[in-house]
Each structure stands twice: as structure tokens, then as C-alpha cells.
C-alpha atoms as a PDB file:
ATOM      1  CA  MET A   1      -9.772  -6.050   6.874  1.00  0.00           C
ATOM      2  CA  ALA A   2      -6.663  -3.911   7.308  1.00  0.00           C
ATOM      3  CA  ARG A   3      -6.938  -0.250   6.409  1.00  0.00           C
ATOM      4  CA  ILE A   4      -3.801   0.532   4.453  1.00  0.00           C
ATOM      5  CA  LEU A   5      -5.773   2.863   2.137  1.00  0.00           C
ATOM      6  CA  LEU A   6      -2.840   3.483  -0.151  1.00  0.00           C
ATOM      7  CA  PRO A   7      -3.611   5.196  -3.457  1.00  0.00           C
ATOM      8  CA  ILE A   8      -1.383   2.603  -5.145  1.00  0.00           C
ATOM      9  CA  LEU A   9      -3.733  -0.304  -4.572  1.00  0.00           C
ATOM     10  CA  VAL A  10      -4.863  -1.801  -7.883  1.00  0.00           C
ATOM     11  CA  ALA A  11      -1.944   0.075  -9.414  1.00  0.00           C
ATOM     12  CA  ALA A  12      -1.728  -1.794 -12.683  1.00  0.00           C
ATOM     13  CA  SER A  13      -1.488   1.359 -14.756  1.00  0.00           C
ATOM     14  CA  ALA A  14       1.646   2.411 -12.906  1.00  0.00           C
ATOM     15  CA  PHE A  15       3.556  -0.520 -14.320  1.00  0.00           C
ATOM     16  CA  LEU A  16       2.863   0.738 -17.838  1.00  0.00           C
ATOM     17  CA  LEU A  17       4.732   3.999 -17.209  1.00  0.00           C
ATOM     18  CA  VAL A  18       8.096   3.116 -18.692  1.00  0.00           C
ATOM     19  CA  SER A  19      11.220   5.046 -19.585  1.00  0.00           C
ATOM     20  CA  CYS A  20      10.992   6.513 -23.056  1.00  0.00           C
ATOM     21  CA  ASP A  21      14.496   5.425 -23.966  1.00  0.00           C
ATOM     22  CA  THR A  22      14.189   1.777 -22.972  1.00  0.00           C
ATOM     23  CA  VAL A  23      10.971   0.448 -24.489  1.00  0.00           C
ATOM     24  CA  ASP A  24       9.686   0.403 -28.027  1.00  0.00           C
ATOM     25  CA  PRO A  25       5.851   0.441 -27.909  1.00  0.00           C
ATOM     26  CA  ASP A  26       5.715  -1.568 -31.126  1.00  0.00           C
ATOM     27  CA  VAL A  27       7.454  -4.564 -29.513  1.00  0.00           C
ATOM     28  CA  LEU A  28       6.052  -4.312 -25.992  1.00  0.00           C
ATOM     29  CA  GLU A  29       4.761  -7.737 -24.971  1.00  0.00           C
ATOM     30  CA  PRO A  30       2.036  -8.227 -22.338  1.00  0.00           C
ATOM     31  CA  GLU A  31       3.419  -9.311 -18.972  1.00  0.00           C
ATOM     32  CA  TYR A  32       1.894 -11.201 -16.099  1.00  0.00           C
ATOM     33  CA  LEU A  33       0.743  -8.680 -13.503  1.00  0.00           C
ATOM     34  CA  VAL A  34       0.619  -9.736  -9.841  1.00  0.00           C
ATOM     35  CA  GLU A  35      -1.111  -7.872  -7.030  1.00  0.00           C
ATOM     36  CA  SER A  36      -1.174  -9.139  -3.459  1.00  0.00           C
ATOM     37  CA  TYR A  37      -0.727  -7.429  -0.083  1.00  0.00           C
ATOM     38  CA  GLN A  38      -0.106  -9.630   2.939  1.00  0.00           C
ATOM     39  CA  VAL A  39      -0.872  -8.242   6.396  1.00  0.00           C
ATOM     40  CA  ALA A  40       0.889  -9.327   9.572  1.00  0.00           C
ATOM     41  CA  LEU A  41      -1.316 -11.461  11.851  1.00  0.00           C
ATOM     42  CA  GLU A  42      -4.160 -11.588   9.326  1.00  0.00           C
ATOM     43  CA  PRO A  43      -5.133 -14.587   7.135  1.00  0.00           C
ATOM     44  CA  ILE A  44      -3.357 -14.905   3.796  1.00  0.00           C
ATOM     45  CA  LYS A  45      -4.801 -12.405   1.343  1.00  0.00           C
ATOM     46  CA  PRO A  46      -5.793 -13.188  -2.254  1.00  0.00           C
ATOM     47  CA  VAL A  47      -3.476 -12.937  -5.233  1.00  0.00           C
ATOM     48  CA  ARG A  48      -4.817 -11.123  -8.303  1.00  0.00           C
ATOM     49  CA  LEU A  49      -3.273 -12.277 -11.570  1.00  0.00           C
ATOM     50  CA  SER A  50      -3.748 -10.632 -14.954  1.00  0.00           C
ATOM     51  CA  LEU A  51      -1.879  -9.368 -17.997  1.00  0.00           C
ATOM     52  CA  THR A  52      -0.726  -5.809 -18.491  1.00  0.00           C
ATOM     53  CA  ALA A  53      -2.616  -3.694 -21.001  1.00  0.00           C
ATOM     54  CA  GLY A  54      -0.897  -2.319 -24.069  1.00  0.00           C
ATOM     55  CA  ILE A  55       0.342   1.270 -24.183  1.00  0.00           C
ATOM     56  CA  GLY A  56      -2.628   3.546 -24.823  1.00  0.00           C
ATOM     57  CA  GLU A  57      -5.111   0.856 -23.773  1.00  0.00           C
ATOM     58  CA  THR A  58      -7.324   0.955 -20.695  1.00  0.00           C
ATOM     59  CA  TYR A  59      -6.502  -1.615 -18.028  1.00  0.00           C
ATOM     60  CA  ASP A  60      -9.565  -3.713 -17.177  1.00  0.00           C
ATOM     61  CA  PHE A  61      -8.861  -6.539 -14.732  1.00  0.00           C
ATOM     62  CA  SER A  62     -11.960  -8.503 -15.685  1.00  0.00           C
ATOM     63  CA  LYS A  63     -10.830  -8.628 -19.334  1.00  0.00           C
ATOM     64  CA  LEU A  64      -7.133  -9.235 -18.684  1.00  0.00           C
ATOM     65  CA  ALA A  65      -7.445 -11.667 -15.754  1.00  0.00           C
ATOM     66  CA  VAL A  66      -5.467 -14.904 -16.075  1.00  0.00           C
ATOM     67  CA  SER A  67      -7.375 -18.052 -15.190  1.00  0.00           C
ATOM     68  CA  GLY A  68      -6.197 -21.596 -14.533  1.00  0.00           C
ATOM     69  CA  ALA A  69      -2.809 -20.820 -12.955  1.00  0.00           C
ATOM     70  CA  ASN A  70      -1.180 -22.815 -10.175  1.00  0.00           C
ATOM     71  CA  VAL A  71      -0.642 -20.363  -7.312  1.00  0.00           C
ATOM     72  CA  GLN A  72       1.240 -21.121  -4.104  1.00  0.00           C
ATOM     73  CA  ILE A  73       2.591 -19.039  -1.226  1.00  0.00           C
ATOM     74  CA  LEU A  74       5.528 -20.644   0.590  1.00  0.00           C
ATOM     75  CA  LEU A  75       6.570 -19.853   4.156  1.00  0.00           C
ATOM     76  CA  LEU A  76      10.360 -20.020   4.255  1.00  0.00           C
ATOM     77  CA  ASP A  77      12.578 -20.965   7.188  1.00  0.00           C
ATOM     78  CA  ALA A  78      15.711 -19.096   8.284  1.00  0.00           C
ATOM     79  CA  GLN A  79      17.837 -21.014   5.758  1.00  0.00           C
ATOM     80  CA  GLY A  80      15.495 -20.279   2.849  1.00  0.00           C
ATOM     81  CA  GLY A  81      13.955 -23.746   2.809  1.00  0.00           C
ATOM     82  CA  ILE A  82      10.232 -24.356   2.554  1.00  0.00           C
ATOM     83  CA  GLU A  83       8.587 -24.631   5.975  1.00  0.00           C
ATOM     84  CA  LYS A  84       4.976 -24.653   4.794  1.00  0.00           C
ATOM     85  CA  THR A  85       3.126 -24.479   1.484  1.00  0.00           C
ATOM     86  CA  TYR A  86      -0.201 -22.733   0.991  1.00  0.00           C
ATOM     87  CA  THR A  87      -2.114 -23.517  -2.197  1.00  0.00           C
ATOM     88  CA  LEU A  88      -4.489 -20.841  -3.463  1.00  0.00           C
ATOM     89  CA  ARG A  89      -7.611 -21.693  -5.438  1.00  0.00           C
ATOM     90  CA  GLU A  90      -9.194 -19.515  -8.077  1.00  0.00           C
ATOM     91  CA  SER A  91     -12.362 -17.817  -6.934  1.00  0.00           C
ATOM     92  CA  ARG A  92     -15.599 -19.128  -8.428  1.00  0.00           C
ATOM     93  CA  ASP A  93     -16.938 -15.586  -8.495  1.00  0.00           C
ATOM     94  CA  GLU A  94     -14.022 -13.668  -9.990  1.00  0.00           C
ATOM     95  CA  LYS A  95     -11.663 -14.875 -12.678  1.00  0.00           C
ATOM     96  CA  GLY A  96      -7.977 -14.311 -11.922  1.00  0.00           C
ATOM     97  CA  VAL A  97      -8.424 -13.978  -8.147  1.00  0.00           C
ATOM     98  CA  TYR A  98      -6.734 -16.765  -6.180  1.00  0.00           C
ATOM     99  CA  GLN A  99      -7.686 -17.316  -2.546  1.00  0.00           C
ATOM    100  CA  ALA A 100      -6.037 -19.277   0.246  1.00  0.00           C
ATOM    101  CA  THR A 101      -7.785 -22.368   1.570  1.00  0.00           C
ATOM    102  CA  SER A 102      -6.005 -22.115   4.941  1.00  0.00           C
ATOM    103  CA  SER A 103      -6.970 -19.844   7.826  1.00  0.00           C
ATOM    104  CA  ASP A 104      -3.355 -19.524   9.002  1.00  0.00           C
ATOM    105  CA  VAL A 105      -2.266 -15.957   9.678  1.00  0.00           C
ATOM    106  CA  VAL A 106       0.712 -14.220   8.108  1.00  0.00           C
ATOM    107  CA  LEU A 107       3.615 -14.305  10.554  1.00  0.00           C
ATOM    108  CA  PRO A 108       5.521 -11.067  11.268  1.00  0.00           C
ATOM    109  CA  THR A 109       9.270 -10.961  10.539  1.00  0.00           C
ATOM    110  CA  ARG A 110       8.995 -14.080   8.346  1.00  0.00           C
ATOM    111  CA  THR A 111       9.664 -14.401   4.608  1.00  0.00           C
ATOM    112  CA  TYR A 112       7.086 -15.683   2.105  1.00  0.00           C
ATOM    113  CA  ARG A 113       7.621 -16.608  -1.539  1.00  0.00           C
ATOM    114  CA  LEU A 114       4.942 -16.485  -4.212  1.00  0.00           C
ATOM    115  CA  GLU A 115       5.173 -19.066  -6.975  1.00  0.00           C
ATOM    116  CA  ILE A 116       2.894 -19.109 -10.007  1.00  0.00           C
ATOM    117  CA  THR A 117       3.099 -21.710 -12.763  1.00  0.00           C
ATOM    118  CA  PHE A 118       0.835 -22.622 -15.646  1.00  0.00           C
ATOM    119  CA  PRO A 119      -0.351 -26.043 -16.841  1.00  0.00           C
ATOM    120  CA  ASP A 120      -0.121 -25.153 -20.530  1.00  0.00           C
ATOM    121  CA  ASN A 121       3.208 -23.272 -20.766  1.00  0.00           C
ATOM    122  CA  PRO A 122       6.616 -23.108 -19.036  1.00  0.00           C
ATOM    123  CA  ASP A 123       6.162 -19.572 -17.708  1.00  0.00           C
ATOM    124  CA  ARG A 124       6.910 -19.029 -14.028  1.00  0.00           C
ATOM    125  CA  VAL A 125       6.245 -15.959 -11.869  1.00  0.00           C
ATOM    126  CA  THR A 126       7.900 -15.586  -8.460  1.00  0.00           C
ATOM    127  CA  ALA A 127       8.278 -12.924  -5.791  1.00  0.00           C
ATOM    128  CA  MET A 128       9.281 -12.706  -2.131  1.00  0.00           C
ATOM    129  CA  THR A 129       8.327 -10.509   0.800  1.00  0.00           C
ATOM    130  CA  THR A 130       9.606 -10.228   4.351  1.00  0.00           C
ATOM    131  CA  VAL A 131       6.783  -9.175   6.677  1.00  0.00           C
ATOM    132  CA  PRO A 132       7.444  -6.205   9.007  1.00  0.00           C
ATOM    133  CA  ASP A 133       7.076  -6.793  12.721  1.00  0.00           C
ATOM    134  CA  THR A 134       3.839  -5.797  14.406  1.00  0.00           C
ATOM    135  CA  PHE A 135       3.491  -2.737  16.644  1.00  0.00           C
ATOM    136  CA  GLN A 136       0.795  -1.002  18.681  1.00  0.00           C
ATOM    137  CA  VAL A 137      -0.613   2.419  19.430  1.00  0.00           C
ATOM    138  CA  VAL A 138      -0.083   2.603  23.203  1.00  0.00           C
ATOM    139  CA  GLN A 139      -1.329   6.145  23.689  1.00  0.00           C
ATOM    140  CA  MET A 140      -3.356   8.794  21.886  1.00  0.00           C
ATOM    141  CA  LYS A 141      -3.093  12.205  23.518  1.00  0.00           C
ATOM    142  CA  SER A 142      -6.706  13.012  22.694  1.00  0.00           C
ATOM    143  CA  ASP A 143      -9.359  11.405  20.511  1.00  0.00           C
ATOM    144  CA  THR A 144     -10.920  14.816  19.812  1.00  0.00           C
ATOM    145  CA  ILE A 145      -8.991  17.687  18.223  1.00  0.00           C
ATOM    146  CA  VAL A 146      -9.913  21.139  16.948  1.00  0.00           C
ATOM    147  CA  TYR A 147      -8.944  21.717  13.331  1.00  0.00           C
ATOM    148  CA  GLN A 148      -5.685  23.713  13.206  1.00  0.00           C
ATOM    149  CA  GLY A 149      -5.902  24.166  16.953  1.00  0.00           C
ATOM    150  CA  ASP A 150      -3.036  24.124  19.440  1.00  0.00           C
ATOM    151  CA  GLU A 151      -2.871  20.322  19.501  1.00  0.00           C
ATOM    152  CA  GLN A 152      -2.481  17.982  16.530  1.00  0.00           C
ATOM    153  CA  LEU A 153      -3.352  14.307  16.598  1.00  0.00           C
ATOM    154  CA  GLU A 154      -0.480  12.810  18.606  1.00  0.00           C
ATOM    155  CA  LEU A 155       0.196   9.071  18.845  1.00  0.00           C
ATOM    156  CA  ARG A 156       2.745   7.016  20.755  1.00  0.00           C
ATOM    157  CA  LEU A 157       3.717   3.775  19.014  1.00  0.00           C
ATOM    158  CA  THR A 158       5.737   0.757  20.027  1.00  0.00           C
ATOM    159  CA  ARG A 159       8.626   0.025  17.661  1.00  0.00           C
ATOM    160  CA  SER A 160       8.307  -2.243  14.658  1.00  0.00           C
ATOM    161  CA  SER A 161      11.389  -3.843  13.103  1.00  0.00           C
ATOM    162  CA  TYR A 162      12.631  -4.853   9.672  1.00  0.00           C
ATOM    163  CA  PRO A 163      15.826  -6.705   8.774  1.00  0.00           C
ATOM    164  CA  GLY A 164      18.715  -4.522   7.639  1.00  0.00           C
ATOM    165  CA  ARG A 165      17.081  -1.110   7.991  1.00  0.00           C
ATOM    166  CA  GLN A 166      14.969   1.195  10.101  1.00  0.00           C
ATOM    167  CA  THR A 167      11.212   0.786   9.973  1.00  0.00           C
ATOM    168  CA  ILE A 168       9.533   2.768   7.198  1.00  0.00           C
ATOM    169  CA  PHE A 169       6.005   4.016   7.853  1.00  0.00           C
ATOM    170  CA  ILE A 170       3.209   5.217   5.627  1.00  0.00           C
ATOM    171  CA  PHE A 171       0.441   7.034   7.500  1.00  0.00           C
ATOM    172  CA  THR A 172      -3.059   7.170   6.064  1.00  0.00           C
ATOM    173  CA  THR A 173      -6.262   8.900   7.125  1.00  0.00           C
ATOM    174  CA  GLU A 174      -9.852   8.160   6.103  1.00  0.00           C
ATOM    175  CA  ALA A 175     -12.778  10.458   6.818  1.00  0.00           C
ATOM    176  CA  LEU A 176     -15.793   8.462   7.999  1.00  0.00           C
ATOM    177  CA  GLU A 177     -18.278  11.305   7.492  1.00  0.00           C
ATOM    178  CA  PRO A 178     -17.245  12.889   4.176  1.00  0.00           C
ATOM    179  CA  SER A 179     -19.659  15.442   2.752  1.00  0.00           C
ATOM    180  CA  SER A 180     -19.553  18.883   1.177  1.00  0.00           C
ATOM    181  CA  GLY A 181     -20.912  20.304   4.432  1.00  0.00           C
ATOM    182  CA  ASN A 182     -18.005  18.878   6.460  1.00  0.00           C
ATOM    183  CA  LEU A 183     -15.105  20.252   4.409  1.00  0.00           C
ATOM    184  CA  THR A 184     -12.273  22.110   6.118  1.00  0.00           C
ATOM    185  CA  PRO A 185     -11.398  25.577   4.712  1.00  0.00           C
ATOM    186  CA  PHE A 186      -8.413  24.431   2.624  1.00  0.00           C
ATOM    187  CA  ALA A 187     -10.313  21.434   1.228  1.00  0.00           C
ATOM    188  CA  ARG A 188     -13.340  23.663   0.587  1.00  0.00           C
ATOM    189  CA  ARG A 189     -11.274  25.907  -1.682  1.00  0.00           C
ATOM    190  CA  LEU A 190     -10.023  22.924  -3.687  1.00  0.00           C
ATOM    191  CA  TYR A 191     -13.538  21.502  -3.938  1.00  0.00           C
ATOM    192  CA  ASP A 192     -15.167  24.817  -4.939  1.00  0.00           C
ATOM    193  CA  ASP A 193     -12.497  25.370  -7.604  1.00  0.00           C
ATOM    194  CA  GLY A 194     -13.371  22.014  -9.122  1.00  0.00           C
ATOM    195  CA  GLU A 195      -9.868  20.599  -8.576  1.00  0.00           C
ATOM    196  CA  VAL A 196     -11.050  17.595  -6.541  1.00  0.00           C
ATOM    197  CA  GLY A 197     -14.200  15.741  -5.572  1.00  0.00           C
ATOM    198  CA  ILE A 198     -15.396  14.395  -2.233  1.00  0.00           C
ATOM    199  CA  GLU A 199     -14.034  10.916  -2.975  1.00  0.00           C
ATOM    200  CA  ASP A 200     -10.623  12.371  -3.847  1.00  0.00           C
ATOM    201  CA  LEU A 201     -10.454  14.032  -0.434  1.00  0.00           C
ATOM    202  CA  ARG A 202     -11.864  11.194   1.668  1.00  0.00           C
ATOM    203  CA  LYS A 203      -8.545   9.345   1.950  1.00  0.00           C
ATOM    204  CA  SER A 204      -5.114  10.863   2.309  1.00  0.00           C
ATOM    205  CA  THR A 205      -1.651   9.330   2.490  1.00  0.00           C
ATOM    206  CA  ALA A 206       1.619  10.781   3.746  1.00  0.00           C
ATOM    207  CA  PRO A 207       4.923  10.033   1.993  1.00  0.00           C
ATOM    208  CA  PRO A 208       6.938   7.104   3.403  1.00  0.00           C
ATOM    209  CA  LEU A 209       9.218   8.136   6.268  1.00  0.00           C
ATOM    210  CA  ASN A 210      11.581   6.099   8.419  1.00  0.00           C
ATOM    211  CA  GLU A 211      11.394   6.093  12.204  1.00  0.00           C
ATOM    212  CA  ALA A 212      14.298   8.567  12.460  1.00  0.00           C
ATOM    213  CA  ASN A 213      11.794  11.290  11.484  1.00  0.00           C
ATOM    214  CA  TYR A 214       9.844  10.807  14.702  1.00  0.00           C
ATOM    215  CA  GLU A 215      10.563  11.534  18.355  1.00  0.00           C
ATOM    216  CA  VAL A 216      12.016   8.582  20.276  1.00  0.00           C
ATOM    217  CA  ASN A 217      10.831   8.449  23.882  1.00  0.00           C
ATOM    218  CA  PRO A 218      12.938   7.197  26.836  1.00  0.00           C
ATOM    219  CA  ASP A 219      10.961   3.929  26.864  1.00  0.00           C
ATOM    220  CA  GLY A 220      11.788   3.298  23.201  1.00  0.00           C
ATOM    221  CA  THR A 221       8.353   4.212  21.817  1.00  0.00           C
ATOM    222  CA  LEU A 222       7.871   6.708  18.988  1.00  0.00           C
ATOM    223  CA  THR A 223       5.770   9.867  19.140  1.00  0.00           C
ATOM    224  CA  VAL A 224       4.233  10.926  15.830  1.00  0.00           C
ATOM    225  CA  TRP A 225       1.986  13.822  14.823  1.00  0.00           C
ATOM    226  CA  MET A 226      -0.615  13.889  12.090  1.00  0.00           C
ATOM    227  CA  PRO A 227      -0.109  16.889   9.738  1.00  0.00           C
ATOM    228  CA  TRP A 228      -3.158  19.083   9.201  1.00  0.00           C
ATOM    229  CA  LEU A 229      -2.880  18.635   5.430  1.00  0.00           C
ATOM    230  CA  MET A 230      -4.125  15.076   5.906  1.00  0.00           C
ATOM    231  CA  ILE A 231      -7.416  16.382   7.319  1.00  0.00           C
ATOM    232  CA  SER A 232     -10.017  17.491   4.768  1.00  0.00           C
ATOM    233  CA  PHE A 233     -13.249  17.010   6.741  1.00  0.00           C
ATOM    234  CA  TYR A 234     -14.684  17.597  10.170  1.00  0.00           C
ATOM    235  CA  GLY A 235     -16.123  14.610  12.010  1.00  0.00           C
ATOM    236  CA  ARG A 236     -14.890  11.058  12.632  1.00  0.00           C
ATOM    237  CA  HIS A 237     -11.711   9.698  11.058  1.00  0.00           C
ATOM    238  CA  VAL A 238      -9.569   6.584  11.113  1.00  0.00           C
ATOM    239  CA  SER A 239      -5.810   7.074  11.098  1.00  0.00           C
ATOM    240  CA  THR A 240      -3.576   4.105  10.311  1.00  0.00           C
ATOM    241  CA  ALA A 241       0.157   3.671  10.716  1.00  0.00           C
ATOM    242  CA  ASN A 242       1.553   1.118   8.252  1.00  0.00           C
ATOM    243  CA  ALA A 243       5.033  -0.375   8.596  1.00  0.00           C
ATOM    244  CA  ILE A 244       5.863  -1.455   5.044  1.00  0.00           C
ATOM    245  CA  ASP A 245       8.189  -3.995   3.450  1.00  0.00           C
ATOM    246  CA  ASP A 246      10.889  -3.225   0.864  1.00  0.00           C
ATOM    247  CA  ASN A 247       8.571  -4.057  -2.029  1.00  0.00           C
ATOM    248  CA  LEU A 248       5.967  -1.468  -1.060  1.00  0.00           C
ATOM    249  CA  TYR A 249       8.658   1.087  -0.258  1.00  0.00           C
ATOM    250  CA  ASP A 250      10.440   0.673  -3.600  1.00  0.00           C
ATOM    251  CA  PHE A 251       7.180   0.798  -5.510  1.00  0.00           C
ATOM    252  CA  THR A 252       5.916   3.873  -3.630  1.00  0.00           C
ATOM    253  CA  ARG A 253       9.064   5.961  -4.037  1.00  0.00           C
ATOM    254  CA  SER A 254       9.456   5.136  -7.731  1.00  0.00           C
ATOM    255  CA  TRP A 255       5.734   5.676  -8.367  1.00  0.00           C
ATOM    256  CA  GLN A 256       5.963   9.111  -6.726  1.00  0.00           C
ATOM    257  CA  VAL A 257       8.773  10.096  -9.107  1.00  0.00           C
ATOM    258  CA  GLN A 258       6.556   9.227 -12.062  1.00  0.00           C
ATOM    259  CA  GLN A 259       3.720  11.297 -10.594  1.00  0.00           C
ATOM    260  CA  GLY A 260       5.809  14.471 -10.790  1.00  0.00           C
ATOM    261  CA  GLY A 261       7.806  14.284  -7.569  1.00  0.00           C
ATOM    262  CA  SER A 262      11.051  14.850  -9.463  1.00  0.00           C
ATOM    263  CA  THR A 263      12.806  17.336 -11.712  1.00  0.00           C
ATOM    264  CA  LEU A 264      13.844  14.614 -14.166  1.00  0.00           C
ATOM    265  CA  ALA A 265      13.007  15.114 -17.815  1.00  0.00           C
ATOM    266  CA  PRO A 266      10.299  12.757 -19.172  1.00  0.00           C
ATOM    267  CA  GLY A 267      12.820  10.643 -21.049  1.00  0.00           C
ATOM    268  CA  GLU A 268      14.853  10.202 -17.857  1.00  0.00           C
ATOM    269  CA  ILE A 269      12.044   9.028 -15.592  1.00  0.00           C
ATOM    270  CA  PRO A 270      13.034   5.600 -14.240  1.00  0.00           C
ATOM    271  CA  ASN A 271      10.796   2.581 -14.408  1.00  0.00           C
ATOM    272  CA  ILE A 272       8.613   1.525 -11.510  1.00  0.00           C
ATOM    273  CA  ILE A 273      10.689  -0.628  -9.149  1.00  0.00           C
ATOM    274  CA  ASP A 274       9.144  -4.040  -8.655  1.00  0.00           C
ATOM    275  CA  HIS A 275      10.505  -7.320  -7.324  1.00  0.00           C
ATOM    276  CA  VAL A 276       8.509  -9.807  -9.391  1.00  0.00           C
ATOM    277  CA  GLU A 277      10.450 -12.287 -11.504  1.00  0.00           C
ATOM    278  CA  GLY A 278       8.785 -13.474 -14.719  1.00  0.00           C
ATOM    279  CA  GLY A 279       6.281 -10.635 -14.610  1.00  0.00           C
ATOM    280  CA  THR A 280       5.615  -7.352 -12.868  1.00  0.00           C
ATOM    281  CA  GLY A 281       3.458  -6.015 -10.047  1.00  0.00           C
ATOM    282  CA  LEU A 282       3.489  -6.206  -6.271  1.00  0.00           C
ATOM    283  CA  PHE A 283       3.716  -9.082  -3.834  1.00  0.00           C
ATOM    284  CA  ALA A 284       4.139  -7.041  -0.683  1.00  0.00           C
ATOM    285  CA  SER A 285       3.409  -6.989   3.039  1.00  0.00           C
ATOM    286  CA  TYR A 286       2.876  -4.603   5.903  1.00  0.00           C
ATOM    287  CA  ALA A 287       1.879  -4.370   9.561  1.00  0.00           C
ATOM    288  CA  SER A 288      -0.605  -1.772  10.733  1.00  0.00           C
ATOM    289  CA  ALA A 289      -2.316  -0.209  13.732  1.00  0.00           C
ATOM    290  CA  SER A 290      -5.302   2.162  13.670  1.00  0.00           C
ATOM    291  CA  VAL A 291      -7.070   4.706  15.865  1.00  0.00           C
ATOM    292  CA  THR A 292     -10.369   6.566  15.539  1.00  0.00           C
ATOM    293  CA  PHE A 293     -10.609  10.285  16.331  1.00  0.00           C
ATOM    294  CA  VAL A 294     -12.897  13.271  15.835  1.00  0.00           C
ATOM    295  CA  VAL A 295     -12.055  16.626  14.253  1.00  0.00           C
ATOM    296  CA  LEU A 296     -14.056  19.640  15.450  1.00  0.00           C
ATOM    297  CA  GLU A 297     -14.546  22.905  13.590  1.00  0.00           C
ATOM    298  CA  ASN A 298     -12.358  25.806  14.673  1.00  0.00           C
ATOM    299  CA  GLU A 299     -14.657  28.773  15.271  1.00  0.00           C
ATOM    300  CA  GLU A 300     -11.730  31.187  14.932  1.00  0.00           C
ATOM    301  CA  LEU A 301     -11.087  30.281  11.285  1.00  0.00           C
END
């Protein structure tokens, strides 16, 4: 299973954060909510289908899941025609979760369209994603680093590609040995002050950045460095570089604005950007590559 580790996964509540001047809570109708993340060179991932919760209500997928839909993912050719159709079947174990019956992998640089229809009404939900090209970590300067030492985690990556723009990356880090005894000094202060818990610190995600922010080597590879703020524990970690599609990028940047990353007044905060027709949510894709490394305590701190 790919390790994207984004804090936006299962982000249904984000789609309820709407501009104050555009929506009247008294007339807000439930919408179909789609959630599916396709990963380059991995089998087709499930599609989760539910309804949005009302304003002020708690979102509970098990209660709002939509059963009995017809769910298909279509592989499109260069002209936009249908090259192959994948039919997804609802899971016997979880209502509203639709799983592929094919073992075919998701092809990089290709476009897929999600189509959802219903046997008892004319509603139709559609979305499209173009899958980023794959890439590799070809070199890691060292798999063991000293916290806030002279050398950060340094990776050299082959280039990914995406039509019409530079590649946009989201880097994530997961501590594999999280405990209160393994906290770094900065994370220890946050933890002792009661601002965060161990689970809050276990995974960290950097803001999306395009490849222009990284050093381009003579052979065309990219050199990237992991900022120390993404490290909250000593011990083993997994770091993942994720090349994301437009859908994930648009969602992430608009979600960050709603989380306080802007000086806009509350009534001016724009809606979450999604690309789902007939509903809301995310039908998105990404390519990823991961490395494992160890962080040692710095005795000078």
C-alpha cells in the first residue's frame, strides 16, 4: 500500500467548510461525496461513496454511506475515447466502499474517468484524473542522520512529469518508533505543553512545492532535503515523495487556506476546490517513492 500519509485523507469535513456569503445553511442539500486515490503502477484503489453531513453535524461514513450505486472507472485514450472499462463492486464488508474486480495497475501519464450512476434515480457523478509519471529515488546520501546535525536527509530523485506544468511534490514523513521517550527537543516542548499528542506528531507533511524549488543536477535528477521540522522523533522513519495530480493540488492549497494559511476574513474564505461533477470530494492520483532512514540523538543539544 502506498504511503502518501496526507492529513487530507478521509477529508469529508473539509467539503463542508463553505463561504459564508454563498450558502444558506437552511437550504443546504446533502451532496454525494466521493473519495478515491489512485496510485501509479498499483492496482485500482477503492471508491468510497457517501453523502455529506449537514452543517453542525458530525460526519460518520458508516451512517452516510451510499449503497447500490453503479461505479465504473474508465481508462481513456489520447482522443478521450474509452479504451477500457473497470466495474467496481460494493464490498460485502463495508457499505459504500466499491472495489475493482480487475488486478490491472493504474498506468502513469494516462487519464481515468470515474462514473457513478444509480438504478433508482437519474443522478450522475463524474470526475477525471491524469496520473503523474513515476519516478525513483536513485541516491540517499546517508540512511542515518544526527538530529539537527551538519547533514540533513538528502535524496536524489529522477524527474516525474505532468501535462502542462512542472511536477508538484508533497513530501511526507512517518516515524516508525513513536513514543514519548523518542521525542526531539522541539516536539518534546509541544507535547509537554499539551498542544499535541504522540499520534499528532507521528506523521508530518510538507506544503506542496513544484520541482523548481529543488536543485537540478547535470544529469537531470533533483536533489531535495528534508527539513528538520518534519522530524519529531528519534529512531526509524519512512520518508515519501509524492508527485500529485491537479485534483490533489487544488484540494490541498484550498484546504490550507481554510485552515488559517491566509489573511482573508472568514466571510471571504473560498470554497474547497474539487473537480467532481454531480457531487463533491476527491477522485485523485499520485506517484510515489519512499526511503527508510534513522535519526540519532544529538548529544550537543
